[in-house]
Amino acid sequence: MVPGTPLAAHPGSRLTCLLLAPSPDWVVLEIATGALLRSSLEEEESSELLAGDPLTALLLVLGEELGPSDPARPEAVVLSDVVDSPAPRRRSLKPLLEQSVAPQSDQPLLGVVGPSLAYGDLDGARPSVSVLSPERGRVVFAGERRLMAHFRIGPVSHALPVSHGLIGWLQRGQLPVSTGTTAKRGGSTRKAKRVGPLGPAMEPAVPVRAVVGLDRPAEGQVRKVLLGVVPVA
């Protein structure tokens, strides 16, 4: 089975999912199987529901595949419809999310060394999206010209570009964030940097899980990006 493929992956399948990253490059967690699914590059227009709040429950109806699978997105599905779905009990959300978190290892993010890789080197055999547990649940957003996400996995620090969809979540206030000229955590106070139109450096006000994935191909390369962050408290 291709990484991330749900058990009922055929046209007309109805999958109840939780939104982990917003459109246009949305990612969802299928509740029944724990599979991670993501948008297809052939998708021309996303439902507004796929730009909803983190962990929004959605019912996805699969459509016909339009061509061969994309080696850069083996988890991609084509949708024929998206509708609201009753939300699971809140106390059940955390276990569902934690089951999707990739085990911590000394391997590079998505099994790829460096910030990007050549599109031609992809064969669809490795996942293109992963849910990670940053150290202390922290992701800090900062940057002068481009918003970057800073976090640690074990002893390694990472800095990734932020997807357009996730920037939209931040700008629309769909994530609880701490921001200002100073920020307090654990009794200490630190300066917050300016990040252009989004204001001072910010971070989610609650612990989060980070959704990291491969971006859209550009000039023969596919870079790693932060697609979403999901509160766990």
Protein backbone atom coordinates (compact mmCIF):
# COMPACT_ATOMS: atom_id res chain seq x y z
CA MET A 1 0.00 0.00 0.00
CA VAL A 2 1.32 3.46 -0.89
CA PRO A 3 2.13 5.50 2.24
CA GLY A 4 -0.92 7.37 3.39
CA THR A 5 -3.42 5.49 1.22
CA PRO A 6 -6.70 4.89 3.12
CA LEU A 7 -8.22 1.41 3.15
CA ALA A 8 -11.28 2.58 1.20
CA ALA A 9 -9.45 4.49 -1.54
CA HIS A 10 -11.84 4.21 -4.47
CA PRO A 11 -14.22 6.68 -6.13
CA GLY A 12 -17.27 7.29 -3.98
CA SER A 13 -15.56 6.35 -0.72
CA ARG A 14 -16.71 8.54 2.17
CA LEU A 15 -13.95 9.25 4.65
CA THR A 16 -14.38 11.03 7.98
CA CYS A 17 -11.29 13.12 8.61
CA LEU A 18 -9.74 15.80 10.81
CA LEU A 19 -8.18 18.88 9.20
CA LEU A 20 -4.46 19.17 10.01
CA ALA A 21 -3.38 21.75 7.41
CA PRO A 22 -5.52 24.18 5.40
CA SER A 23 -6.03 24.62 1.68
CA PRO A 24 -4.66 25.06 -0.89
CA ASP A 25 -2.22 22.36 0.28
CA TRP A 26 -4.54 20.75 2.80
CA VAL A 27 -3.75 17.66 4.87
CA VAL A 28 -6.28 15.54 6.76
CA LEU A 29 -6.12 12.58 9.12
CA GLU A 30 -8.58 9.83 8.29
CA ILE A 31 -10.11 8.77 11.60
CA ALA A 32 -10.84 5.13 10.71
CA THR A 33 -7.34 4.16 9.54
CA GLY A 34 -5.06 6.94 10.79
CA ALA A 35 -3.95 7.59 7.21
CA LEU A 36 -2.69 11.02 6.23
CA LEU A 37 -4.25 12.33 3.01
CA ARG A 38 -3.41 15.49 1.13
CA SER A 39 -4.46 17.65 -1.78
CA SER A 40 -3.74 16.71 -5.37
CA LEU A 41 -1.80 19.14 -7.54
CA GLU A 42 -4.57 18.65 -10.11
CA GLU A 43 -7.18 20.07 -7.72
CA GLU A 44 -8.30 23.35 -9.27
CA GLU A 45 -10.40 24.70 -6.42
CA SER A 46 -10.68 23.64 -2.78
CA SER A 47 -13.84 23.68 -0.70
CA GLU A 48 -13.97 26.54 1.80
CA LEU A 49 -14.39 23.86 4.46
CA LEU A 50 -10.77 22.81 3.82
CA ALA A 51 -9.67 26.23 5.09
CA GLY A 52 -11.56 25.69 8.37
CA ASP A 53 -10.08 25.65 11.86
CA PRO A 54 -7.50 23.06 12.97
CA LEU A 55 -9.07 19.66 13.75
CA THR A 56 -12.33 20.51 11.96
CA ALA A 57 -14.17 17.25 11.27
CA LEU A 58 -14.96 16.75 7.58
CA LEU A 59 -16.55 14.07 5.42
CA LEU A 60 -14.55 13.69 2.20
CA VAL A 61 -16.06 11.95 -0.82
CA LEU A 62 -13.39 10.63 -3.18
CA GLY A 63 -13.60 11.26 -6.91
CA GLU A 64 -11.99 9.74 -9.99
CA GLU A 65 -8.22 9.99 -10.31
CA LEU A 66 -7.32 12.22 -13.24
CA GLY A 67 -4.00 10.61 -14.11
CA PRO A 68 -1.04 8.65 -12.73
CA SER A 69 -0.13 9.20 -9.10
CA ASP A 70 2.32 12.01 -8.32
CA PRO A 71 5.60 10.65 -6.87
CA ALA A 72 5.89 13.86 -4.83
CA ARG A 73 2.47 13.27 -3.23
CA PRO A 74 1.70 9.54 -2.82
CA GLU A 75 -0.97 10.47 -0.23
CA ALA A 76 -2.87 12.74 -2.65
CA VAL A 77 -6.56 12.09 -3.33
CA VAL A 78 -9.08 13.67 -5.68
CA LEU A 79 -12.31 14.84 -4.08
CA SER A 80 -15.81 14.99 -5.49
CA ASP A 81 -17.36 16.59 -2.41
CA VAL A 82 -16.60 17.89 1.09
CA VAL A 83 -19.21 18.30 3.82
CA ASP A 84 -19.24 19.02 7.54
CA SER A 85 -19.10 16.04 9.85
CA PRO A 86 -19.98 15.73 13.56
CA ALA A 87 -16.83 16.33 15.58
CA PRO A 88 -15.42 13.46 17.66
CA ARG A 89 -15.47 13.87 21.42
CA ARG A 90 -12.79 16.36 22.39
CA ARG A 91 -11.08 13.95 24.75
CA SER A 92 -10.67 11.49 21.87
CA LEU A 93 -8.90 14.00 19.60
CA LYS A 94 -5.53 13.93 21.36
CA PRO A 95 -5.13 10.11 21.19
CA LEU A 96 -6.12 10.19 17.50
CA LEU A 97 -3.55 12.86 16.77
CA GLU A 98 -0.80 11.27 18.84
CA GLN A 99 -1.21 7.99 16.95
CA SER A 100 -0.35 9.84 13.74
CA VAL A 101 2.89 11.34 15.10
CA ALA A 102 6.00 9.90 13.45
CA PRO A 103 8.41 8.15 15.84
CA GLN A 104 11.32 10.37 16.82
CA SER A 105 14.54 9.30 15.13
CA ASP A 106 17.89 10.64 13.98
CA GLN A 107 16.72 10.55 10.36
CA PRO A 108 16.27 13.85 8.47
CA LEU A 109 12.78 15.28 8.02
CA LEU A 110 10.79 13.18 5.51
CA GLY A 111 13.90 11.03 5.06
CA VAL A 112 15.54 13.72 2.95
CA VAL A 113 18.78 15.53 3.75
CA GLY A 114 18.70 19.27 3.11
CA PRO A 115 15.89 21.78 2.54
CA SER A 116 14.77 20.34 -0.83
CA LEU A 117 15.34 17.58 -3.35
CA ALA A 118 15.07 17.08 -7.08
CA TYR A 119 11.59 16.17 -8.28
CA GLY A 120 13.13 13.56 -10.60
CA ASP A 121 14.58 11.69 -7.62
CA LEU A 122 11.13 10.96 -6.19
CA ASP A 123 9.50 7.59 -6.82
CA GLY A 124 6.48 7.72 -4.50
CA ALA A 125 7.97 5.13 -2.14
CA ARG A 126 8.37 7.49 0.82
CA PRO A 127 5.75 9.63 2.56
CA SER A 128 5.56 13.27 1.47
CA VAL A 129 3.89 14.46 4.68
CA SER A 130 4.49 13.72 8.35
CA VAL A 131 3.15 14.79 11.75
CA LEU A 132 5.93 15.62 14.20
CA SER A 133 6.14 16.38 17.90
CA PRO A 134 8.39 19.44 18.39
CA GLU A 135 10.32 19.79 21.62
CA ARG A 136 7.95 21.12 24.33
CA GLY A 137 5.29 21.43 21.64
CA ARG A 138 6.85 24.71 20.48
CA VAL A 139 6.99 26.22 17.00
CA VAL A 140 8.17 29.85 16.71
CA PHE A 141 7.28 31.90 13.63
CA ALA A 142 9.70 34.66 12.68
CA GLY A 143 11.42 36.20 9.68
CA GLU A 144 12.29 39.45 7.97
CA ARG A 145 11.37 38.80 4.31
CA ARG A 146 9.83 35.33 4.53
CA LEU A 147 7.99 33.78 7.44
CA MET A 148 9.90 30.79 8.77
CA ALA A 149 8.95 28.21 11.38
CA HIS A 150 11.61 27.31 13.96
CA PHE A 151 11.37 24.15 16.07
CA ARG A 152 13.43 21.31 17.49
CA ILE A 153 13.03 17.57 17.06
CA GLY A 154 15.28 15.90 19.60
CA PRO A 155 18.72 17.55 19.45
CA VAL A 156 18.22 19.00 15.95
CA SER A 157 16.94 22.50 15.19
CA HIS A 158 14.88 23.07 12.05
CA ALA A 159 13.80 26.15 10.13
CA LEU A 160 11.21 25.68 7.38
CA PRO A 161 9.24 28.04 5.14
CA VAL A 162 5.57 28.38 6.10
CA SER A 163 2.88 27.43 3.59
CA HIS A 164 0.42 30.01 2.26
CA GLY A 165 -2.44 28.13 3.91
CA LEU A 166 -0.81 28.18 7.33
CA ILE A 167 -0.03 31.89 6.98
CA GLY A 168 -3.76 32.32 6.34
CA TRP A 169 -4.57 30.48 9.58
CA LEU A 170 -2.27 32.86 11.45
CA GLN A 171 -3.58 36.01 9.79
CA ARG A 172 -7.22 35.05 10.33
CA GLY A 173 -6.66 34.21 13.98
CA GLN A 174 -7.58 30.52 13.56
CA LEU A 175 -4.69 29.51 15.80
CA PRO A 176 -4.27 30.78 19.37
CA VAL A 177 -0.89 32.54 19.38
CA SER A 178 1.27 34.48 21.78
CA THR A 179 2.83 37.62 20.30
CA GLY A 180 4.12 41.05 21.34
CA THR A 181 7.32 42.92 22.03
CA THR A 182 8.03 40.49 24.84
CA ALA A 183 6.83 37.00 25.57
CA LYS A 184 6.88 35.06 28.81
CA ARG A 185 7.35 31.31 29.12
CA GLY A 186 8.35 29.34 32.16
CA GLY A 187 8.88 32.47 34.21
CA SER A 188 11.40 34.01 31.78
CA THR A 189 10.95 36.99 29.48
CA ARG A 190 12.50 37.29 26.00
CA LYS A 191 12.42 39.81 23.19
CA ALA A 192 10.23 39.09 20.19
CA LYS A 193 11.52 39.94 16.71
CA ARG A 194 9.63 41.75 13.97
CA VAL A 195 8.30 39.59 11.14
CA GLY A 196 7.00 42.12 8.62
CA PRO A 197 3.26 42.15 7.91
CA LEU A 198 2.48 39.58 10.58
CA GLY A 199 4.01 41.73 13.31
CA PRO A 200 6.29 40.44 16.10
CA ALA A 201 7.57 36.90 16.32
CA MET A 202 4.81 34.59 17.49
CA GLU A 203 4.20 31.06 18.62
CA PRO A 204 1.11 29.00 19.33
CA ALA A 205 -0.25 29.70 22.80
CA VAL A 206 -0.66 25.96 23.46
CA PRO A 207 1.51 22.92 22.64
CA VAL A 208 1.19 21.82 19.02
CA ARG A 209 2.09 19.09 16.60
CA ALA A 210 3.78 20.15 13.37
CA VAL A 211 2.63 18.96 9.93
CA VAL A 212 5.65 18.93 7.61
CA GLY A 213 5.42 18.09 3.93
CA LEU A 214 6.88 18.48 0.47
CA ASP A 215 5.83 21.65 -1.33
CA ARG A 216 4.69 22.06 -4.94
CA PRO A 217 7.49 21.45 -7.48
CA ALA A 218 9.30 24.58 -8.67
CA GLU A 219 12.17 24.68 -11.14
CA GLY A 220 12.68 20.94 -10.79
CA GLN A 221 12.98 21.05 -7.00
CA VAL A 222 10.59 20.18 -4.18
CA ARG A 223 11.25 21.89 -0.86
CA LYS A 224 10.19 20.97 2.66
CA VAL A 225 7.61 23.31 4.22
CA LEU A 226 5.51 23.57 7.36
CA LEU A 227 1.96 22.94 6.16
CA GLY A 228 0.09 23.15 9.46
CA VAL A 229 0.28 23.16 13.24
CA VAL A 230 -2.39 21.51 15.36
CA PRO A 231 -3.08 22.32 19.03
CA VAL A 232 -2.99 19.36 21.39
CA ALA A 233 -4.28 21.10 24.52
